[in-house]
């Protein structure tokens, strides 16, 4: 078992839950965007844990790239309101 991917998956799940709760409480879309980003990261960690790291390398790179771009977009929008 890949301990790093497992810890990352657990942390992603926590961030997704907190982002959804933050969105529900504030109706602000930015916590939701962060939740979506970390949901994508979580998918990549889950696929790694399930043994698809080698066969889905390009797909995992795509997922992580989209997630990072969404985080960058969100942080920029919040920082430069």
C-alpha atoms as a PDB file:
ATOM      1  CA  UNK A   1       0.000   0.000   0.000  1.00  0.00           C
ATOM      2  CA  UNK A   2       1.258   3.453  -0.912  1.00  0.00           C
ATOM      3  CA  UNK A   3       1.088   5.290   2.413  1.00  0.00           C
ATOM      4  CA  UNK A   4       1.649   8.718   0.888  1.00  0.00           C
ATOM      5  CA  UNK A   5      -1.259   8.327  -1.539  1.00  0.00           C
ATOM      6  CA  UNK A   6      -3.479   7.035   1.254  1.00  0.00           C
ATOM      7  CA  UNK A   7      -2.694  10.011   3.509  1.00  0.00           C
ATOM      8  CA  UNK A   8      -3.204  12.394   0.577  1.00  0.00           C
ATOM      9  CA  UNK A   9      -6.559  10.774  -0.220  1.00  0.00           C
ATOM     10  CA  UNK A  10      -7.743  11.134   3.384  1.00  0.00           C
ATOM     11  CA  UNK A  11      -6.669  14.789   3.482  1.00  0.00           C
ATOM     12  CA  UNK A  12      -8.401  15.428   0.152  1.00  0.00           C
ATOM     13  CA  UNK A  13     -11.630  13.958   1.510  1.00  0.00           C
ATOM     14  CA  UNK A  14     -11.419  16.237   4.555  1.00  0.00           C
ATOM     15  CA  UNK A  15     -10.822  19.303   2.359  1.00  0.00           C
ATOM     16  CA  UNK A  16     -13.726  18.359   0.067  1.00  0.00           C
ATOM     17  CA  UNK A  17     -16.063  18.052   3.056  1.00  0.00           C
ATOM     18  CA  UNK A  18     -14.879  21.370   4.523  1.00  0.00           C
ATOM     19  CA  UNK A  19     -15.226  23.080   1.135  1.00  0.00           C
ATOM     20  CA  UNK A  20     -18.782  21.795   0.724  1.00  0.00           C
ATOM     21  CA  UNK A  21     -19.707  22.859   4.258  1.00  0.00           C
ATOM     22  CA  UNK A  22     -18.149  26.283   3.634  1.00  0.00           C
ATOM     23  CA  UNK A  23     -20.156  26.655   0.437  1.00  0.00           C
ATOM     24  CA  UNK A  24     -23.367  25.565   2.121  1.00  0.00           C
ATOM     25  CA  UNK A  25     -22.896  27.986   5.016  1.00  0.00           C
ATOM     26  CA  UNK A  26     -21.736  31.036   3.046  1.00  0.00           C
ATOM     27  CA  UNK A  27     -23.147  30.425  -0.465  1.00  0.00           C
ATOM     28  CA  UNK A  28     -19.738  31.657  -1.652  1.00  0.00           C
ATOM     29  CA  UNK A  29     -18.534  29.685  -4.667  1.00  0.00           C
ATOM     30  CA  UNK A  30     -14.818  29.784  -3.794  1.00  0.00           C
ATOM     31  CA  UNK A  31     -14.886  27.020  -1.139  1.00  0.00           C
ATOM     32  CA  UNK A  32     -16.782  24.889  -3.647  1.00  0.00           C
ATOM     33  CA  UNK A  33     -14.065  25.426  -6.277  1.00  0.00           C
ATOM     34  CA  UNK A  34     -11.431  24.350  -3.769  1.00  0.00           C
ATOM     35  CA  UNK A  35     -13.558  21.293  -2.895  1.00  0.00           C
ATOM     36  CA  UNK A  36     -13.819  20.366  -6.579  1.00  0.00           C
ATOM     37  CA  UNK A  37     -10.062  20.764  -7.022  1.00  0.00           C
ATOM     38  CA  UNK A  38      -9.264  18.508  -4.100  1.00  0.00           C
ATOM     39  CA  UNK A  39     -11.917  16.072  -5.250  1.00  0.00           C
ATOM     40  CA  UNK A  40      -9.945  15.773  -8.482  1.00  0.00           C
ATOM     41  CA  UNK A  41      -6.725  15.313  -6.524  1.00  0.00           C
ATOM     42  CA  UNK A  42      -8.505  12.651  -4.481  1.00  0.00           C
ATOM     43  CA  UNK A  43      -9.544  10.793  -7.635  1.00  0.00           C
ATOM     44  CA  UNK A  44      -5.939  10.724  -8.783  1.00  0.00           C
ATOM     45  CA  UNK A  45      -4.783   9.393  -5.391  1.00  0.00           C
ATOM     46  CA  UNK A  46      -7.522   6.741  -5.391  1.00  0.00           C
ATOM     47  CA  UNK A  47      -6.579   5.582  -8.881  1.00  0.00           C
ATOM     48  CA  UNK A  48      -2.958   5.378  -7.763  1.00  0.00           C
ATOM     49  CA  UNK A  49      -3.957   3.280  -4.748  1.00  0.00           C
ATOM     50  CA  UNK A  50      -5.999   0.994  -6.988  1.00  0.00           C
ATOM     51  CA  UNK A  51      -2.918   0.321  -9.124  1.00  0.00           C
ATOM     52  CA  UNK A  52      -3.751   2.397 -12.186  1.00  0.00           C
ATOM     53  CA  UNK A  53      -0.777   4.753 -11.865  1.00  0.00           C
ATOM     54  CA  UNK A  54       1.169   3.183 -14.729  1.00  0.00           C
ATOM     55  CA  UNK A  55      -1.707   2.576 -17.148  1.00  0.00           C
ATOM     56  CA  UNK A  56      -3.394   5.967 -16.620  1.00  0.00           C
ATOM     57  CA  UNK A  57      -0.356   8.229 -16.354  1.00  0.00           C
ATOM     58  CA  UNK A  58      -1.534  10.721 -18.987  1.00  0.00           C
ATOM     59  CA  UNK A  59      -5.033  10.799 -17.493  1.00  0.00           C
ATOM     60  CA  UNK A  60      -3.654  11.386 -13.980  1.00  0.00           C
ATOM     61  CA  UNK A  61      -1.466  14.211 -15.254  1.00  0.00           C
ATOM     62  CA  UNK A  62      -4.541  15.740 -16.899  1.00  0.00           C
ATOM     63  CA  UNK A  63      -6.642  15.480 -13.737  1.00  0.00           C
ATOM     64  CA  UNK A  64      -3.930  17.000 -11.573  1.00  0.00           C
ATOM     65  CA  UNK A  65      -3.276  19.791 -14.078  1.00  0.00           C
ATOM     66  CA  UNK A  66      -6.963  20.746 -14.150  1.00  0.00           C
ATOM     67  CA  UNK A  67      -7.082  20.633 -10.334  1.00  0.00           C
ATOM     68  CA  UNK A  68      -4.002  22.845  -9.970  1.00  0.00           C
ATOM     69  CA  UNK A  69      -5.348  25.325 -12.535  1.00  0.00           C
ATOM     70  CA  UNK A  70      -8.652  25.513 -10.655  1.00  0.00           C
ATOM     71  CA  UNK A  71      -6.802  26.182  -7.392  1.00  0.00           C
ATOM     72  CA  UNK A  72      -4.693  28.891  -9.083  1.00  0.00           C
ATOM     73  CA  UNK A  73      -7.817  30.483 -10.559  1.00  0.00           C
ATOM     74  CA  UNK A  74      -9.622  30.412  -7.215  1.00  0.00           C
ATOM     75  CA  UNK A  75      -6.734  31.854  -5.237  1.00  0.00           C
ATOM     76  CA  UNK A  76      -6.230  34.635  -7.799  1.00  0.00           C
ATOM     77  CA  UNK A  77      -9.932  35.513  -7.798  1.00  0.00           C
ATOM     78  CA  UNK A  78     -10.041  35.652  -4.000  1.00  0.00           C
ATOM     79  CA  UNK A  79      -6.741  37.525  -3.652  1.00  0.00           C
ATOM     80  CA  UNK A  80      -7.520  40.173  -6.275  1.00  0.00           C
ATOM     81  CA  UNK A  81     -11.210  40.892  -5.653  1.00  0.00           C
END
